[in-house]
């Protein structure tokens, strides 16, 4: 600055001075706030989405365990059926005085098989239920992932809008952010 209060500066200095005095309520300030909100909500959606994915894996694991337990019960059922068949064959082949003993075994195996069959069917039902819960969690996970992706793309659009100073890009940011919020709402409602 000169002694008489008159100051001359170059165009670059002028731009830097005005950039430092930018109105926080202008496009840049609004996009900064919107970006912060989108990033925060996106982080929460991502966390919940990861949680649903983990739950889906746990339910799928539980389904496999129940399926294995059911298979074990069916193997036991088959074993009892084989023993019952052997006892029935014995009834047909042994003398009359030994038939009651083998007939009792046939009846015992029939009774045991009934209990084993009920246990196996119950385990298969539990396995199916866990599979359905896993599928539901994966569907919800996909919704959370879609919502998070929409918010991430919206944040990228905000950056482009800031760089290009294009208002239509700011509106695209808001529109895609709204899509992310709606899809996140659908995920929260299990739709």
N, C-alpha and C. Protein backbone atom coordinates (compact mmCIF):
# COMPACT_ATOMS: atom_id res chain seq x y z
N UNK A 1 0.85 -1.15 0.00
CA UNK A 1 0.00 0.00 0.00
C UNK A 1 0.91 1.23 0.00
N UNK A 2 0.48 2.22 -0.73
CA UNK A 2 1.27 3.45 -0.80
C UNK A 2 0.95 4.35 0.39
N UNK A 3 1.71 5.44 0.52
CA UNK A 3 1.54 6.33 1.67
C UNK A 3 0.26 7.14 1.61
N UNK A 4 -0.33 7.27 0.44
CA UNK A 4 -1.56 8.05 0.34
C UNK A 4 -2.81 7.19 0.45
N UNK A 5 -2.69 5.89 0.81
CA UNK A 5 -3.84 5.01 1.03
C UNK A 5 -4.32 4.32 -0.22
N UNK A 6 -3.65 4.58 -1.34
CA UNK A 6 -4.05 3.94 -2.59
C UNK A 6 -3.24 2.67 -2.77
N UNK A 7 -3.95 1.56 -3.10
CA UNK A 7 -3.28 0.26 -3.21
C UNK A 7 -3.69 -0.40 -4.52
N UNK A 8 -2.72 -0.92 -5.23
CA UNK A 8 -2.97 -1.62 -6.48
C UNK A 8 -2.46 -3.05 -6.30
N UNK A 9 -3.32 -4.01 -6.66
CA UNK A 9 -2.87 -5.41 -6.61
C UNK A 9 -3.28 -6.10 -7.90
N UNK A 10 -2.66 -7.23 -8.15
CA UNK A 10 -2.92 -7.97 -9.38
C UNK A 10 -4.22 -8.75 -9.33
N UNK A 11 -4.67 -9.28 -10.47
CA UNK A 11 -5.93 -10.03 -10.53
C UNK A 11 -5.93 -11.27 -9.64
N UNK A 12 -4.78 -11.92 -9.52
CA UNK A 12 -4.70 -13.11 -8.69
C UNK A 12 -4.95 -12.76 -7.22
N UNK A 13 -4.32 -11.67 -6.76
CA UNK A 13 -4.52 -11.22 -5.38
C UNK A 13 -5.98 -10.86 -5.15
N UNK A 14 -6.58 -10.26 -6.14
CA UNK A 14 -7.99 -9.86 -6.03
C UNK A 14 -8.88 -11.10 -5.86
N UNK A 15 -8.65 -12.14 -6.64
CA UNK A 15 -9.45 -13.39 -6.54
C UNK A 15 -9.27 -14.06 -5.19
N UNK A 16 -8.04 -14.11 -4.70
CA UNK A 16 -7.79 -14.71 -3.40
C UNK A 16 -8.49 -13.95 -2.28
N UNK A 17 -8.48 -12.63 -2.40
CA UNK A 17 -9.14 -11.81 -1.39
C UNK A 17 -10.65 -12.08 -1.39
N UNK A 18 -11.25 -12.16 -2.56
CA UNK A 18 -12.70 -12.40 -2.65
C UNK A 18 -13.06 -13.84 -2.29
N UNK A 19 -12.19 -14.78 -2.59
CA UNK A 19 -12.46 -16.17 -2.23
C UNK A 19 -12.48 -16.33 -0.72
N UNK A 20 -11.62 -15.61 -0.03
CA UNK A 20 -11.58 -15.67 1.42
C UNK A 20 -12.80 -15.04 2.07
N UNK A 21 -13.46 -14.16 1.34
CA UNK A 21 -14.64 -13.47 1.87
C UNK A 21 -15.93 -14.07 1.32
N UNK A 22 -15.87 -15.32 0.83
CA UNK A 22 -17.05 -15.95 0.21
C UNK A 22 -18.18 -16.04 1.22
N UNK A 23 -19.36 -15.87 0.70
CA UNK A 23 -20.57 -15.93 1.52
C UNK A 23 -20.83 -17.38 1.90
N UNK A 24 -20.82 -17.74 3.21
CA UNK A 24 -21.07 -19.13 3.59
C UNK A 24 -22.50 -19.57 3.26
N UNK A 25 -23.37 -18.64 3.00
CA UNK A 25 -24.74 -18.99 2.62
C UNK A 25 -24.88 -19.20 1.12
N UNK A 26 -23.83 -18.98 0.36
CA UNK A 26 -23.87 -19.18 -1.08
C UNK A 26 -23.87 -20.66 -1.44
N UNK A 27 -23.73 -20.92 -2.72
CA UNK A 27 -23.75 -22.29 -3.22
C UNK A 27 -22.70 -23.16 -2.54
N UNK A 28 -21.48 -22.65 -2.40
CA UNK A 28 -20.41 -23.43 -1.78
C UNK A 28 -20.71 -23.78 -0.34
N UNK A 29 -21.20 -22.84 0.42
CA UNK A 29 -21.52 -23.09 1.82
C UNK A 29 -22.66 -24.08 1.98
N UNK A 30 -23.67 -23.93 1.15
CA UNK A 30 -24.82 -24.85 1.22
C UNK A 30 -24.39 -26.26 0.83
N UNK A 31 -23.59 -26.37 -0.22
CA UNK A 31 -23.13 -27.70 -0.64
C UNK A 31 -22.22 -28.33 0.42
N UNK A 32 -21.47 -27.52 1.12
CA UNK A 32 -20.61 -28.06 2.18
C UNK A 32 -21.46 -28.68 3.29
N UNK A 33 -22.52 -27.99 3.68
CA UNK A 33 -23.41 -28.51 4.72
C UNK A 33 -24.12 -29.76 4.23
N UNK A 34 -24.62 -29.70 3.00
CA UNK A 34 -25.32 -30.86 2.43
C UNK A 34 -24.38 -32.06 2.35
N UNK A 35 -23.14 -31.81 1.93
CA UNK A 35 -22.16 -32.90 1.83
C UNK A 35 -21.89 -33.51 3.20
N UNK A 36 -21.78 -32.69 4.22
CA UNK A 36 -21.54 -33.21 5.57
C UNK A 36 -22.71 -34.06 6.04
N UNK A 37 -23.93 -33.62 5.75
CA UNK A 37 -25.11 -34.40 6.14
C UNK A 37 -25.15 -35.72 5.37
N UNK A 38 -24.91 -35.64 4.06
CA UNK A 38 -24.91 -36.87 3.25
C UNK A 38 -23.85 -37.86 3.72
N UNK A 39 -22.67 -37.36 4.05
CA UNK A 39 -21.59 -38.24 4.50
C UNK A 39 -21.93 -38.88 5.84
N UNK A 40 -22.53 -38.12 6.73
CA UNK A 40 -22.89 -38.65 8.04
C UNK A 40 -23.96 -39.73 7.92
N UNK A 41 -25.01 -39.44 7.17
CA UNK A 41 -26.08 -40.42 6.99
C UNK A 41 -25.55 -41.64 6.23
N UNK A 42 -24.71 -41.39 5.23
CA UNK A 42 -24.12 -42.50 4.48
C UNK A 42 -23.29 -43.41 5.37
N UNK A 43 -22.56 -42.84 6.30
CA UNK A 43 -21.76 -43.66 7.23
C UNK A 43 -22.68 -44.51 8.11
N UNK A 44 -23.79 -43.92 8.56
CA UNK A 44 -24.74 -44.70 9.38
C UNK A 44 -25.37 -45.82 8.55
N UNK A 45 -25.76 -45.51 7.32
CA UNK A 45 -26.34 -46.54 6.44
C UNK A 45 -25.33 -47.66 6.20
N UNK A 46 -24.09 -47.29 6.00
CA UNK A 46 -23.06 -48.29 5.75
C UNK A 46 -22.88 -49.20 6.96
N UNK A 47 -22.90 -48.63 8.15
CA UNK A 47 -22.77 -49.42 9.37
C UNK A 47 -23.93 -50.41 9.51
N UNK A 48 -25.14 -49.93 9.33
CA UNK A 48 -26.31 -50.80 9.47
C UNK A 48 -26.30 -51.86 8.37
N UNK A 49 -25.89 -51.47 7.16
CA UNK A 49 -25.80 -52.44 6.07
C UNK A 49 -24.80 -53.54 6.37
N UNK A 50 -23.67 -53.19 6.95
CA UNK A 50 -22.68 -54.20 7.35
C UNK A 50 -23.22 -55.12 8.41
N UNK A 51 -24.00 -54.56 9.33
CA UNK A 51 -24.60 -55.36 10.39
C UNK A 51 -25.60 -56.38 9.81
N UNK A 52 -26.41 -55.95 8.86
CA UNK A 52 -27.37 -56.89 8.27
C UNK A 52 -26.67 -57.98 7.49
N UNK A 53 -25.55 -57.62 6.85
CA UNK A 53 -24.80 -58.64 6.12
C UNK A 53 -24.22 -59.67 7.09
N UNK A 54 -23.71 -59.21 8.21
CA UNK A 54 -23.16 -60.13 9.22
C UNK A 54 -24.27 -61.03 9.77
N UNK A 55 -25.44 -60.45 10.04
CA UNK A 55 -26.57 -61.25 10.53
C UNK A 55 -26.98 -62.30 9.52
N UNK A 56 -26.97 -61.93 8.24
CA UNK A 56 -27.34 -62.90 7.20
C UNK A 56 -26.38 -64.08 7.21
N UNK A 57 -25.10 -63.80 7.39
CA UNK A 57 -24.11 -64.88 7.45
C UNK A 57 -24.31 -65.77 8.67
N UNK A 58 -24.63 -65.15 9.79
CA UNK A 58 -24.86 -65.94 11.01
C UNK A 58 -26.10 -66.82 10.86
N UNK A 59 -27.16 -66.27 10.29
CA UNK A 59 -28.38 -67.07 10.09
C UNK A 59 -28.12 -68.21 9.11
N UNK A 60 -27.34 -67.94 8.08
CA UNK A 60 -27.01 -69.00 7.10
C UNK A 60 -26.20 -70.09 7.77
N UNK A 61 -25.30 -69.71 8.66
CA UNK A 61 -24.52 -70.68 9.41
C UNK A 61 -25.43 -71.52 10.32
N UNK A 62 -26.35 -70.86 11.01
CA UNK A 62 -27.30 -71.58 11.86
C UNK A 62 -28.14 -72.56 11.04
N UNK A 63 -28.53 -72.13 9.83
CA UNK A 63 -29.31 -73.02 8.95
C UNK A 63 -28.51 -74.27 8.60
N UNK A 64 -27.23 -74.08 8.30
CA UNK A 64 -26.38 -75.23 7.96
C UNK A 64 -26.21 -76.18 9.14
N UNK A 65 -26.08 -75.60 10.33
CA UNK A 65 -25.95 -76.44 11.54
C UNK A 65 -27.22 -77.26 11.74
N UNK A 66 -28.38 -76.61 11.62
CA UNK A 66 -29.65 -77.33 11.81
C UNK A 66 -29.84 -78.38 10.72
N UNK A 67 -29.41 -78.07 9.52
CA UNK A 67 -29.52 -79.03 8.42
C UNK A 67 -28.66 -80.26 8.70
N UNK A 68 -27.48 -80.05 9.24
CA UNK A 68 -26.59 -81.16 9.60
C UNK A 68 -27.19 -81.99 10.71
N UNK A 69 -27.76 -81.31 11.71
CA UNK A 69 -28.41 -82.04 12.80
C UNK A 69 -29.60 -82.85 12.28
N UNK A 70 -30.34 -82.29 11.34
CA UNK A 70 -31.47 -83.02 10.75
C UNK A 70 -30.96 -84.24 9.98
N UNK A 71 -29.87 -84.06 9.23
CA UNK A 71 -29.29 -85.18 8.48
C UNK A 71 -28.85 -86.29 9.43
N UNK A 72 -28.31 -85.90 10.57
CA UNK A 72 -27.92 -86.90 11.57
C UNK A 72 -29.15 -87.66 12.08
N UNK A 73 -30.22 -86.95 12.32
CA UNK A 73 -31.46 -87.60 12.77
C UNK A 73 -32.00 -88.55 11.70
N UNK A 74 -31.94 -88.12 10.43
CA UNK A 74 -32.42 -89.01 9.36
C UNK A 74 -31.53 -90.25 9.24
N UNK A 75 -30.24 -90.10 9.48
CA UNK A 75 -29.35 -91.26 9.48
C UNK A 75 -29.73 -92.23 10.60
N UNK A 76 -30.03 -91.68 11.77
CA UNK A 76 -30.47 -92.51 12.89
C UNK A 76 -31.80 -93.19 12.55
N UNK A 77 -32.69 -92.44 11.91
CA UNK A 77 -33.97 -93.00 11.47
C UNK A 77 -33.74 -94.18 10.53
N UNK A 78 -32.82 -94.01 9.59
CA UNK A 78 -32.51 -95.09 8.64
C UNK A 78 -31.93 -96.29 9.37
N UNK A 79 -31.09 -96.03 10.34
CA UNK A 79 -30.50 -97.12 11.13
C UNK A 79 -31.60 -97.90 11.85
N UNK A 80 -32.54 -97.18 12.45
CA UNK A 80 -33.65 -97.84 13.15
C UNK A 80 -34.53 -98.61 12.16
N UNK A 81 -34.68 -98.07 10.96
CA UNK A 81 -35.46 -98.78 9.94
C UNK A 81 -34.78 -100.08 9.55
N UNK A 82 -33.46 -100.03 9.41
CA UNK A 82 -32.72 -101.26 9.09
C UNK A 82 -32.86 -102.30 10.20
N UNK A 83 -32.77 -101.83 11.45
CA UNK A 83 -32.93 -102.76 12.57
C UNK A 83 -34.35 -103.31 12.63
N UNK A 84 -35.32 -102.46 12.32
CA UNK A 84 -36.71 -102.92 12.29
C UNK A 84 -36.89 -103.98 11.20
N UNK A 85 -36.30 -103.73 10.04
CA UNK A 85 -36.39 -104.70 8.95
C UNK A 85 -35.76 -106.04 9.34
N UNK A 86 -34.64 -105.97 10.04
CA UNK A 86 -33.99 -107.21 10.49
C UNK A 86 -34.88 -107.94 11.50
N UNK A 87 -35.52 -107.19 12.39
CA UNK A 87 -36.40 -107.81 13.38
C UNK A 87 -37.62 -108.42 12.69
N UNK A 88 -38.15 -107.74 11.67
CA UNK A 88 -39.29 -108.29 10.92
C UNK A 88 -38.89 -109.57 10.19
N UNK A 89 -37.69 -109.58 9.65
CA UNK A 89 -37.19 -110.79 8.99
C UNK A 89 -37.04 -111.91 10.01
N UNK A 90 -36.56 -111.57 11.20
CA UNK A 90 -36.40 -112.57 12.26
C UNK A 90 -37.76 -113.15 12.65
N UNK A 91 -38.78 -112.29 12.72
CA UNK A 91 -40.13 -112.77 13.06
C UNK A 91 -40.57 -113.81 12.04
N UNK A 92 -40.22 -113.59 10.79
CA UNK A 92 -40.64 -114.51 9.74
C UNK A 92 -39.82 -115.81 9.74
N UNK A 93 -38.59 -115.74 10.26
CA UNK A 93 -37.71 -116.90 10.14
C UNK A 93 -37.57 -117.74 11.41
N UNK A 94 -37.78 -117.17 12.58
CA UNK A 94 -37.53 -117.91 13.82
C UNK A 94 -38.72 -118.77 14.21
N UNK A 95 -38.46 -119.62 15.14
CA UNK A 95 -39.54 -120.50 15.64
C UNK A 95 -40.55 -119.67 16.41
N UNK A 96 -41.75 -120.22 16.58
CA UNK A 96 -42.85 -119.50 17.21
C UNK A 96 -42.55 -119.04 18.63
N UNK A 97 -41.75 -119.77 19.34
CA UNK A 97 -41.46 -119.39 20.73
C UNK A 97 -40.57 -118.15 20.80
N UNK A 98 -39.81 -117.81 19.73
CA UNK A 98 -38.93 -116.64 19.72
C UNK A 98 -39.57 -115.43 19.03
N UNK A 99 -40.67 -115.63 18.34
CA UNK A 99 -41.31 -114.55 17.59
C UNK A 99 -41.73 -113.37 18.47
N UNK A 100 -42.29 -113.58 19.66
CA UNK A 100 -42.70 -112.43 20.47
C UNK A 100 -41.55 -111.47 20.80
N UNK A 101 -40.38 -112.03 21.03
CA UNK A 101 -39.22 -111.18 21.33
C UNK A 101 -38.92 -110.26 20.16
N UNK A 102 -38.90 -110.80 18.96
CA UNK A 102 -38.58 -109.99 17.78
C UNK A 102 -39.74 -109.07 17.41
N UNK A 103 -40.95 -109.48 17.69
CA UNK A 103 -42.10 -108.61 17.43
C UNK A 103 -42.06 -107.39 18.35
N UNK A 104 -41.61 -107.60 19.59
CA UNK A 104 -41.44 -106.47 20.51
C UNK A 104 -40.38 -105.49 19.98
N UNK A 105 -39.32 -106.03 19.40
CA UNK A 105 -38.28 -105.17 18.83
C UNK A 105 -38.83 -104.38 17.65
N UNK A 106 -39.63 -105.03 16.81
CA UNK A 106 -40.25 -104.33 15.68
C UNK A 106 -41.06 -103.14 16.20
N UNK A 107 -41.87 -103.36 17.21
CA UNK A 107 -42.72 -102.30 17.77
C UNK A 107 -41.87 -101.21 18.42
N UNK A 108 -40.81 -101.59 19.09
CA UNK A 108 -39.92 -100.59 19.72
C UNK A 108 -39.27 -99.71 18.66
N UNK A 109 -38.79 -100.34 17.56
CA UNK A 109 -38.15 -99.55 16.51
C UNK A 109 -39.16 -98.62 15.83
N UNK A 110 -40.39 -99.07 15.64
CA UNK A 110 -41.42 -98.21 15.06
C UNK A 110 -41.64 -96.98 15.94
N UNK A 111 -41.72 -97.19 17.25
CA UNK A 111 -41.93 -96.09 18.19
C UNK A 111 -40.73 -95.14 18.18
N UNK A 112 -39.53 -95.69 18.22
CA UNK A 112 -38.32 -94.87 18.21
C UNK A 112 -38.22 -94.07 16.91
N UNK A 113 -38.56 -94.70 15.79
CA UNK A 113 -38.52 -94.01 14.50
C UNK A 113 -39.48 -92.83 14.47
N UNK A 114 -40.64 -92.98 15.10
CA UNK A 114 -41.61 -91.88 15.13
C UNK A 114 -41.04 -90.65 15.83
N UNK A 115 -40.40 -90.88 16.97
CA UNK A 115 -39.79 -89.77 17.72
C UNK A 115 -38.64 -89.14 16.92
N UNK A 116 -37.84 -89.99 16.30
CA UNK A 116 -36.69 -89.50 15.52
C UNK A 116 -37.18 -88.69 14.32
N UNK A 117 -38.23 -89.16 13.68
CA UNK A 117 -38.79 -88.45 12.52
C UNK A 117 -39.28 -87.06 12.93
N UNK A 118 -39.97 -86.97 14.06
CA UNK A 118 -40.44 -85.67 14.54
C UNK A 118 -39.28 -84.72 14.82
N UNK A 119 -38.22 -85.26 15.44
CA UNK A 119 -37.04 -84.43 15.73
C UNK A 119 -36.38 -83.95 14.44
N UNK A 120 -36.26 -84.85 13.45
CA UNK A 120 -35.63 -84.48 12.18
C UNK A 120 -36.45 -83.42 11.45
N UNK A 121 -37.76 -83.59 11.43
CA UNK A 121 -38.63 -82.61 10.76
C UNK A 121 -38.58 -81.25 11.46
N UNK A 122 -38.50 -81.27 12.78
CA UNK A 122 -38.38 -80.01 13.54
C UNK A 122 -37.07 -79.30 13.18
N UNK A 123 -35.99 -80.05 13.11
CA UNK A 123 -34.69 -79.47 12.76
C UNK A 123 -34.69 -78.94 11.32
N UNK A 124 -35.33 -79.65 10.41
CA UNK A 124 -35.43 -79.16 9.03
C UNK A 124 -36.23 -77.86 8.97
N UNK A 125 -37.29 -77.77 9.76
CA UNK A 125 -38.10 -76.54 9.82
C UNK A 125 -37.25 -75.39 10.35
N UNK A 126 -36.47 -75.65 11.39
CA UNK A 126 -35.59 -74.61 11.94
C UNK A 126 -34.57 -74.16 10.90
N UNK A 127 -34.03 -75.12 10.15
CA UNK A 127 -33.07 -74.80 9.11
C UNK A 127 -33.71 -73.90 8.05
N UNK A 128 -34.92 -74.25 7.65
CA UNK A 128 -35.64 -73.44 6.66
C UNK A 128 -35.91 -72.04 7.20
N UNK A 129 -36.30 -71.95 8.46
CA UNK A 129 -36.55 -70.64 9.08
C UNK A 129 -35.29 -69.79 9.08
N UNK A 130 -34.15 -70.39 9.44
CA UNK A 130 -32.90 -69.64 9.43
C UNK A 130 -32.52 -69.21 8.02
N UNK A 131 -32.76 -70.06 7.02
CA UNK A 131 -32.50 -69.68 5.63
C UNK A 131 -33.34 -68.48 5.23
N UNK A 132 -34.61 -68.48 5.62
CA UNK A 132 -35.50 -67.37 5.30
C UNK A 132 -35.06 -66.08 6.00
N UNK A 133 -34.62 -66.19 7.25
CA UNK A 133 -34.13 -65.01 7.96
C UNK A 133 -32.86 -64.48 7.30
N UNK A 134 -32.00 -65.38 6.84
CA UNK A 134 -30.79 -64.97 6.15
C UNK A 134 -31.12 -64.23 4.86
N UNK A 135 -32.07 -64.77 4.10
CA UNK A 135 -32.47 -64.13 2.85
C UNK A 135 -33.06 -62.74 3.11
N UNK A 136 -33.86 -62.62 4.15
CA UNK A 136 -34.45 -61.32 4.49
C UNK A 136 -33.36 -60.32 4.87
N UNK A 137 -32.37 -60.77 5.64
CA UNK A 137 -31.27 -59.88 6.03
C UNK A 137 -30.44 -59.47 4.81
N UNK A 138 -30.22 -60.39 3.88
CA UNK A 138 -29.46 -60.05 2.67
C UNK A 138 -30.23 -59.05 1.82
N UNK A 139 -31.55 -59.22 1.74
CA UNK A 139 -32.36 -58.25 0.99
C UNK A 139 -32.22 -56.86 1.62
N UNK A 140 -32.33 -56.83 2.94
CA UNK A 140 -32.20 -55.56 3.65
C UNK A 140 -30.78 -55.00 3.46
N UNK A 141 -29.78 -55.86 3.50
CA UNK A 141 -28.40 -55.42 3.27
C UNK A 141 -28.27 -54.76 1.90
N UNK A 142 -28.87 -55.38 0.88
CA UNK A 142 -28.78 -54.81 -0.46
C UNK A 142 -29.43 -53.43 -0.51
N UNK A 143 -30.55 -53.26 0.19
CA UNK A 143 -31.19 -51.95 0.26
C UNK A 143 -30.26 -50.92 0.91
N UNK A 144 -29.64 -51.30 2.04
CA UNK A 144 -28.72 -50.37 2.70
C UNK A 144 -27.55 -50.04 1.77
N UNK A 145 -27.05 -51.02 1.05
CA UNK A 145 -25.93 -50.79 0.13
C UNK A 145 -26.35 -49.85 -1.01
N UNK A 146 -27.57 -50.03 -1.53
CA UNK A 146 -28.07 -49.13 -2.58
C UNK A 146 -28.19 -47.71 -2.05
N UNK A 147 -28.71 -47.56 -0.84
CA UNK A 147 -28.86 -46.24 -0.25
C UNK A 147 -27.50 -45.58 -0.04
N UNK A 148 -26.55 -46.36 0.47
CA UNK A 148 -25.20 -45.83 0.70
C UNK A 148 -24.55 -45.40 -0.61
N UNK A 149 -24.72 -46.22 -1.64
CA UNK A 149 -24.14 -45.89 -2.94
C UNK A 149 -24.74 -44.61 -3.50
N UNK A 150 -26.05 -44.46 -3.39
CA UNK A 150 -26.70 -43.23 -3.87
C UNK A 150 -26.15 -42.01 -3.13
N UNK A 151 -25.95 -42.13 -1.83
CA UNK A 151 -25.41 -41.00 -1.06
C UNK A 151 -23.96 -40.72 -1.45
N UNK A 152 -23.17 -41.75 -1.72
CA UNK A 152 -21.78 -41.55 -2.11
C UNK A 152 -21.69 -40.85 -3.47
N UNK A 153 -22.54 -41.27 -4.40
CA UNK A 153 -22.55 -40.62 -5.72
C UNK A 153 -23.04 -39.18 -5.57
N UNK A 154 -23.99 -38.97 -4.70
CA UNK A 154 -24.48 -37.61 -4.44
C UNK A 154 -23.37 -36.72 -3.91
N UNK A 155 -22.54 -37.25 -3.02
CA UNK A 155 -21.40 -36.49 -2.50
C UNK A 155 -20.42 -36.15 -3.62
N UNK A 156 -20.18 -37.11 -4.52
CA UNK A 156 -19.30 -36.86 -5.66
C UNK A 156 -19.88 -35.76 -6.55
N UNK A 157 -21.19 -35.78 -6.75
CA UNK A 157 -21.83 -34.72 -7.54
C UNK A 157 -21.69 -33.36 -6.86
N UNK A 158 -21.75 -33.34 -5.54
CA UNK A 158 -21.57 -32.09 -4.81
C UNK A 158 -20.18 -31.52 -5.06
N UNK A 159 -19.19 -32.39 -5.07
CA UNK A 159 -17.82 -31.93 -5.35
C UNK A 159 -17.71 -31.36 -6.75
N UNK A 160 -18.34 -32.02 -7.70
CA UNK A 160 -18.32 -31.53 -9.08
C UNK A 160 -19.06 -30.20 -9.17
N UNK A 161 -20.18 -30.09 -8.46
CA UNK A 161 -20.95 -28.84 -8.46
C UNK A 161 -20.12 -27.70 -7.87
N UNK A 162 -19.36 -27.99 -6.82
CA UNK A 162 -18.50 -26.95 -6.23
C UNK A 162 -17.41 -26.50 -7.19
N UNK A 163 -16.83 -27.47 -7.90
CA UNK A 163 -15.75 -27.14 -8.83
C UNK A 163 -16.26 -26.40 -10.06
N UNK A 164 -17.41 -26.82 -10.57
CA UNK A 164 -17.92 -26.22 -11.81
C UNK A 164 -18.85 -25.05 -11.55
N UNK A 165 -19.31 -24.91 -10.30
CA UNK A 165 -20.25 -23.86 -9.91
C UNK A 165 -21.53 -23.92 -10.75
N UNK A 166 -21.94 -25.13 -11.08
CA UNK A 166 -23.17 -25.35 -11.86
C UNK A 166 -24.32 -25.64 -10.90
N UNK A 167 -25.34 -24.84 -10.95
CA UNK A 167 -26.48 -25.03 -10.06
C UNK A 167 -27.22 -26.33 -10.36
N UNK A 168 -27.29 -26.72 -11.62
CA UNK A 168 -28.01 -27.94 -11.95
C UNK A 168 -27.33 -29.16 -11.32
N UNK A 169 -26.01 -29.07 -11.16
CA UNK A 169 -25.30 -30.16 -10.49
C UNK A 169 -25.65 -30.19 -9.00
N UNK A 170 -25.86 -29.03 -8.43
CA UNK A 170 -26.28 -28.96 -7.03
C UNK A 170 -27.67 -29.59 -6.88
N UNK A 171 -28.54 -29.32 -7.83
CA UNK A 171 -29.88 -29.94 -7.78
C UNK A 171 -29.80 -31.45 -7.98
N UNK A 172 -28.89 -31.89 -8.85
CA UNK A 172 -28.69 -33.33 -9.04
C UNK A 172 -28.17 -33.97 -7.75
N UNK A 173 -27.32 -33.22 -7.03
CA UNK A 173 -26.84 -33.69 -5.73
C UNK A 173 -28.01 -33.91 -4.78
N UNK A 174 -28.89 -32.92 -4.71
CA UNK A 174 -30.05 -33.02 -3.82
C UNK A 174 -30.98 -34.17 -4.25
N UNK A 175 -31.19 -34.30 -5.55
CA UNK A 175 -32.09 -35.35 -6.04
C UNK A 175 -31.54 -36.74 -5.72
N UNK A 176 -30.27 -36.94 -5.99
CA UNK A 176 -29.69 -38.26 -5.72
C UNK A 176 -29.59 -38.51 -4.22
N UNK A 177 -29.32 -37.47 -3.46
CA UNK A 177 -29.33 -37.61 -2.00
C UNK A 177 -30.71 -38.02 -1.51
N UNK A 178 -31.76 -37.43 -2.09
CA UNK A 178 -33.13 -37.79 -1.72
C UNK A 178 -33.42 -39.25 -2.06
N UNK A 179 -32.92 -39.71 -3.20
CA UNK A 179 -33.08 -41.12 -3.57
C UNK A 179 -32.42 -42.01 -2.51
N UNK A 180 -31.23 -41.61 -2.09
CA UNK A 180 -30.52 -42.38 -1.05
C UNK A 180 -31.32 -42.44 0.24
N UNK A 181 -31.92 -41.31 0.63
CA UNK A 181 -32.72 -41.28 1.85
C UNK A 181 -33.96 -42.16 1.72
N UNK A 182 -34.61 -42.13 0.56
CA UNK A 182 -35.81 -42.95 0.34
C UNK A 182 -35.45 -44.43 0.39
N UNK A 183 -34.39 -44.82 -0.30
CA UNK A 183 -33.99 -46.23 -0.30
C UNK A 183 -33.57 -46.66 1.11
N UNK A 184 -32.91 -45.76 1.84
CA UNK A 184 -32.58 -46.05 3.23
C UNK A 184 -33.83 -46.24 4.08
N UNK A 185 -34.86 -45.45 3.82
CA UNK A 185 -36.13 -45.60 4.50
C UNK A 185 -36.77 -46.95 4.19
N UNK A 186 -36.68 -47.36 2.93
CA UNK A 186 -37.21 -48.68 2.55
C UNK A 186 -36.46 -49.79 3.27
N UNK A 187 -35.15 -49.62 3.40
CA UNK A 187 -34.37 -50.63 4.13
C UNK A 187 -34.78 -50.69 5.59
N UNK A 188 -34.98 -49.51 6.18
CA UNK A 188 -35.37 -49.48 7.59
C UNK A 188 -36.73 -50.13 7.81
N UNK A 189 -37.60 -50.02 6.80
CA UNK A 189 -38.95 -50.61 6.88
C UNK A 189 -38.98 -52.06 6.41
N UNK A 190 -37.81 -52.60 6.06
CA UNK A 190 -37.69 -53.99 5.58
C UNK A 190 -38.48 -54.22 4.30
N UNK A 191 -38.49 -53.21 3.42
CA UNK A 191 -39.18 -53.35 2.14
C UNK A 191 -38.20 -53.53 1.01
